[in-house]
Amino acid sequence: MKRNIIKTRDGSTTIHIEEWDECYHSRFGAIQEAQHVFIKKGLSLFENKSVSILEIGFGTGLNAFITFLEYPKFNQKVNYVGVEAFPVSIEEAEMMNYVAELNAESYSFIFEKLHQCNWEEPNDLNEDFVFTKRKQFFADIDDIQKFDLIYFDAFGYDVQPELWSVAIFKKMFQALQVNGVLVTYAARGIIKRNMIEAGFTVEKHEGAPGKREMFRARKG
């Protein structure tokens, strides 16, 4: 499928898939969405703790990079696993403007490492942040009570409804430890029902800029 680099409304870039008319991030602002959904509504819940994160849809590396920039504010140690079935190319990653837009030039080497490091191998980005990429279909995830937090950033329900199924959310529920949390930009009735059927307690929260609502789901 043909992929183009476009700018979102906050000035940050994303990848647009022509055949689906679908973007990797919100058209209203890629960075704004990541900060709101995954940091404000997810990572911040685990202040002063060690936190193990599973990202569903590593994509451009934006969520992982922002997590690396933000976690020191919460006094955390992070083990981060990003799952991606169809990795972006190094060339596409180099066209993302996140380092400049986040004023993070001193950490440009971290963003590069996220994309250039070997798959399936833990990488110490520093003494408090371990990062692993797994090239894997979401349906093949079989972790058991391993993660505290899931960033669920799959393509939208309209183009890939199978990624938002009860079966997938059961895998997410299984992967979380008790009291674990899943956050996603989505807020659709069928998605909420599927999460509940998988065992989650679902909360509705204010969405990122340009979106009215989002879901945060908990494993009790």
Protein backbone atom coordinates (compact mmCIF):
# COMPACT_ATOMS: atom_id res chain seq x y z
CA MET A 1 0.00 0.00 0.00
CA LYS A 2 1.18 3.51 -0.81
CA ARG A 3 2.33 5.51 2.20
CA ASN A 4 2.91 9.26 2.24
CA ILE A 5 4.37 11.54 4.89
CA ILE A 6 1.94 14.30 5.91
CA LYS A 7 1.85 16.99 8.58
CA THR A 8 -0.85 16.94 11.23
CA ARG A 9 -2.44 20.08 12.64
CA ASP A 10 0.05 20.50 15.49
CA GLY A 11 2.93 20.51 12.99
CA SER A 12 4.13 16.98 13.69
CA THR A 13 4.32 14.39 10.94
CA THR A 14 2.61 11.06 10.42
CA ILE A 15 2.24 8.42 7.71
CA HIS A 16 -0.89 8.36 5.57
CA ILE A 17 -2.02 5.15 3.82
CA GLU A 18 -3.75 6.16 0.60
CA GLU A 19 -5.81 3.01 0.01
CA TRP A 20 -7.39 3.21 3.46
CA ASP A 21 -7.28 6.99 3.85
CA GLU A 22 -5.92 6.15 7.29
CA CYS A 23 -3.10 7.75 9.27
CA TYR A 24 -0.73 6.32 11.87
CA HIS A 25 -1.70 9.17 14.22
CA SER A 26 -4.46 11.72 14.63
CA ARG A 27 -4.70 14.28 11.82
CA PHE A 28 -5.47 16.81 14.55
CA GLY A 29 -1.99 16.39 16.01
CA ALA A 30 0.26 13.34 16.30
CA ILE A 31 2.27 14.63 19.25
CA GLN A 32 -0.77 16.08 21.03
CA GLU A 33 -2.56 12.73 20.78
CA ALA A 34 0.41 10.76 22.12
CA GLN A 35 0.89 13.15 25.03
CA HIS A 36 -2.79 13.10 26.01
CA VAL A 37 -3.76 9.45 25.49
CA PHE A 38 -0.62 7.58 26.41
CA ILE A 39 1.24 9.86 28.82
CA LYS A 40 -1.44 11.90 30.61
CA LYS A 41 -4.03 9.11 30.74
CA GLY A 42 -1.62 6.17 30.98
CA LEU A 43 2.01 6.59 32.04
CA SER A 44 1.26 9.23 34.69
CA LEU A 45 -0.79 6.67 36.68
CA PHE A 46 2.41 4.83 37.60
CA GLU A 47 4.35 7.61 39.30
CA ASN A 48 7.27 6.49 41.51
CA LYS A 49 7.05 2.92 40.22
CA SER A 50 8.70 0.50 37.86
CA VAL A 51 6.36 0.08 34.91
CA SER A 52 6.27 -2.50 32.14
CA ILE A 53 4.63 -1.21 28.95
CA LEU A 54 3.31 -3.06 25.90
CA GLU A 55 2.68 -0.93 22.82
CA ILE A 56 0.28 -2.33 20.26
CA GLY A 57 1.45 -0.69 17.06
CA PHE A 58 5.04 0.60 17.41
CA GLY A 59 4.72 2.31 14.01
CA THR A 60 6.77 5.50 13.70
CA GLY A 61 8.19 5.20 17.21
CA LEU A 62 6.48 8.38 18.42
CA ASN A 63 4.86 6.88 21.52
CA ALA A 64 8.07 5.14 22.59
CA PHE A 65 10.11 8.32 22.06
CA ILE A 66 7.72 10.53 24.02
CA THR A 67 7.63 7.93 26.80
CA PHE A 68 11.44 8.07 26.97
CA LEU A 69 11.32 11.87 27.21
CA GLU A 70 8.55 11.94 29.82
CA TYR A 71 9.22 9.05 32.21
CA PRO A 72 11.87 10.87 34.33
CA LYS A 73 9.16 13.35 35.38
CA PHE A 74 7.32 10.45 37.05
CA ASN A 75 10.40 8.94 38.73
CA GLN A 76 9.99 5.59 36.97
CA LYS A 77 11.95 2.66 35.67
CA VAL A 78 10.54 1.47 32.35
CA ASN A 79 10.54 -1.82 30.48
CA TYR A 80 9.01 -1.02 27.08
CA VAL A 81 7.96 -3.58 24.45
CA GLY A 82 6.74 -2.34 21.08
CA VAL A 83 4.92 -4.81 18.82
CA GLU A 84 4.73 -4.19 15.08
CA ALA A 85 3.83 -6.58 12.26
CA PHE A 86 4.73 -4.24 9.38
CA PRO A 87 7.66 -1.99 10.38
CA VAL A 88 8.17 1.39 8.79
CA SER A 89 11.41 1.77 6.86
CA ILE A 90 14.45 3.57 8.22
CA GLU A 91 13.92 6.14 5.46
CA GLU A 92 10.34 6.79 6.60
CA ALA A 93 11.46 7.10 10.23
CA GLU A 94 14.09 9.64 9.22
CA MET A 95 11.36 11.78 7.65
CA MET A 96 9.47 12.11 10.94
CA ASN A 97 10.04 15.52 12.57
CA TYR A 98 9.43 14.49 16.18
CA VAL A 99 12.90 15.36 17.47
CA ALA A 100 12.59 18.96 16.26
CA GLU A 101 8.93 19.39 17.24
CA LEU A 102 9.64 18.10 20.76
CA ASN A 103 12.79 20.23 21.08
CA ALA A 104 14.65 17.02 21.82
CA GLU A 105 17.76 17.41 19.66
CA SER A 106 19.98 16.12 22.46
CA TYR A 107 18.05 12.84 22.30
CA SER A 108 18.00 12.41 18.52
CA PHE A 109 20.26 9.38 18.94
CA ILE A 110 17.54 7.71 21.02
CA PHE A 111 14.93 8.12 18.28
CA GLU A 112 17.43 6.71 15.79
CA LYS A 113 18.19 3.76 18.05
CA LEU A 114 14.50 2.91 18.41
CA HIS A 115 14.42 2.21 14.67
CA GLN A 116 17.93 0.91 14.08
CA CYS A 117 18.26 -1.55 16.99
CA ASN A 118 17.77 -5.27 16.42
CA TRP A 119 14.35 -6.83 16.71
CA GLU A 120 13.59 -9.29 19.52
CA GLU A 121 16.54 -8.05 21.63
CA PRO A 122 16.38 -5.92 24.81
CA ASN A 123 18.18 -2.61 24.40
CA ASP A 124 19.28 -0.47 27.35
CA LEU A 125 18.50 3.08 26.26
CA ASN A 126 19.84 4.09 29.66
CA GLU A 127 20.02 2.49 33.11
CA ASP A 128 16.29 3.03 33.74
CA PHE A 129 14.76 2.33 30.33
CA VAL A 130 14.89 -1.02 28.53
CA PHE A 131 13.37 -1.17 25.06
CA THR A 132 12.48 -4.22 22.95
CA LYS A 133 10.86 -4.41 19.51
CA ARG A 134 8.91 -7.51 18.55
CA LYS A 135 7.94 -8.16 14.94
CA GLN A 136 4.66 -9.93 15.58
CA PHE A 137 1.01 -10.03 14.60
CA PHE A 138 -1.23 -8.87 17.43
CA ALA A 139 -3.17 -12.13 17.25
CA ASP A 140 0.03 -14.01 18.12
CA ILE A 141 0.68 -12.17 21.39
CA ASP A 142 0.66 -14.68 24.23
CA ASP A 143 2.16 -12.86 27.22
CA ILE A 144 0.74 -13.80 30.62
CA GLN A 145 0.42 -11.12 33.36
CA LYS A 146 3.59 -9.39 32.18
CA PHE A 147 2.62 -5.74 31.72
CA ASP A 148 1.30 -2.90 33.85
CA LEU A 149 0.23 -0.67 30.97
CA ILE A 150 -0.82 -1.20 27.37
CA TYR A 151 -0.74 1.52 24.74
CA PHE A 152 -3.35 0.26 22.29
CA ASP A 153 -2.58 2.22 19.12
CA ALA A 154 -3.82 -0.04 16.33
CA PHE A 155 -5.27 1.29 13.08
CA GLY A 156 -8.88 2.38 13.37
CA TYR A 157 -11.90 0.12 13.62
CA ASP A 158 -13.20 1.21 10.21
CA VAL A 159 -10.17 -0.22 8.38
CA GLN A 160 -9.13 -3.11 10.66
CA PRO A 161 -12.07 -4.14 12.89
CA GLU A 162 -10.40 -7.49 13.61
CA LEU A 163 -7.78 -5.69 15.72
CA TRP A 164 -10.54 -4.46 18.04
CA SER A 165 -12.22 -7.84 18.55
CA VAL A 166 -13.06 -9.68 21.77
CA ALA A 167 -10.30 -12.18 20.91
CA ILE A 168 -7.64 -9.46 20.75
CA PHE A 169 -8.84 -7.78 23.93
CA LYS A 170 -8.76 -11.13 25.73
CA LYS A 171 -5.09 -11.34 24.78
CA MET A 172 -4.58 -7.82 26.15
CA PHE A 173 -6.41 -8.73 29.37
CA GLN A 174 -4.26 -11.83 29.72
CA ALA A 175 -1.05 -9.86 29.12
CA LEU A 176 -1.80 -7.35 31.89
CA GLN A 177 -1.04 -7.86 35.53
CA VAL A 178 -3.87 -7.44 38.02
CA ASN A 179 -4.73 -3.72 38.28
CA GLY A 180 -3.11 -3.16 34.89
CA VAL A 181 -4.39 -0.47 32.54
CA LEU A 182 -5.02 -0.24 28.79
CA VAL A 183 -5.37 3.17 27.13
CA THR A 184 -6.48 3.89 23.58
CA TYR A 185 -7.54 6.87 21.51
CA ALA A 186 -10.74 5.04 20.50
CA ALA A 187 -14.23 5.60 21.93
CA ARG A 188 -16.77 3.52 20.03
CA GLY A 189 -19.66 1.47 21.39
CA ILE A 190 -18.65 -1.84 19.82
CA ILE A 191 -15.10 -1.43 21.13
CA LYS A 192 -16.36 -0.80 24.67
CA ARG A 193 -18.61 -3.86 24.49
CA ASN A 194 -15.73 -6.03 23.25
CA MET A 195 -13.45 -4.78 26.04
CA ILE A 196 -16.10 -5.54 28.66
CA GLU A 197 -16.70 -9.02 27.24
CA ALA A 198 -12.94 -9.64 27.48
CA GLY A 199 -13.07 -8.81 31.21
CA PHE A 200 -12.15 -5.11 31.37
CA THR A 201 -13.80 -2.34 33.33
CA VAL A 202 -14.02 0.56 30.87
CA GLU A 203 -13.85 4.27 31.65
CA LYS A 204 -14.63 7.08 29.21
CA HIS A 205 -12.33 10.10 29.29
CA GLU A 206 -11.91 13.35 27.42
CA GLY A 207 -10.22 12.69 24.10
CA ALA A 208 -7.11 14.23 22.59
CA PRO A 209 -7.50 17.55 20.72
CA GLY A 210 -10.00 17.08 17.89
CA LYS A 211 -11.58 13.99 19.48
CA ARG A 212 -14.37 14.13 22.02
CA GLU A 213 -13.66 10.93 23.98
CA MET A 214 -11.25 8.05 24.55
CA PHE A 215 -11.26 4.82 26.58
CA ARG A 216 -9.19 3.69 29.52
CA ALA A 217 -9.74 0.07 30.53
CA ARG A 218 -8.69 -1.62 33.75
CA LYS A 219 -8.06 -5.22 34.75
CA GLY A 220 -9.52 -5.62 38.22
